[in-house]
């Protein structure tokens, strides 16, 4: 099935208020994608996996992108059918102030850690997730590093958070070792 076929099928079955806004212009979009209402992502995911014609049994990845000027965070799902060999990309546009979606980890177990990463780095809450906590950063880390307005603090518990530029390290002249400069050879 093509992304257009999948979109048409889901729109017909679930409604245009749930599945909408197909983007399938190869000149603009690397992968065709469509939007899903954020509250309905689990329902759409269940349909994608359980419908024998769709059979999308593999969630390739869950990612998020911050759009501060639009006051949105886009959560993107890349879903694949191993048996049917078709793929679909879904986007949910969440309110940036309190981004929240139902978890799909009960549908595709691979979503477990991917949703945790999206939570950790962008602050997206996945309602119903079995273990929603930071996965890359310490629990007491402040802020979400993939948000475009994130300002990193100079230190974390006294540990500097910045390091020198490695290219600049090559410009440092090391002192010569004693005796290393003499050209005398033992006779």
Foldseek 3Di string as FASTA:
>chain_A
DAQVVLLVVCCVVPHCQAKHDWDDDVVVDVHIATEGAQACPLVSLCCQCPVPVNNQQDWPAWDWAADVVVQWIKIKIWTAHPVVGYIYIYIYIARLVAAEHAQNCVRHVVSLVRVLCCCQQRNHYHPPRPDRAHDPDDRPDDDHNRHPPDDDDQADPPHGPDDDDVVVVVVDDDDDDVPPPDPDDDD
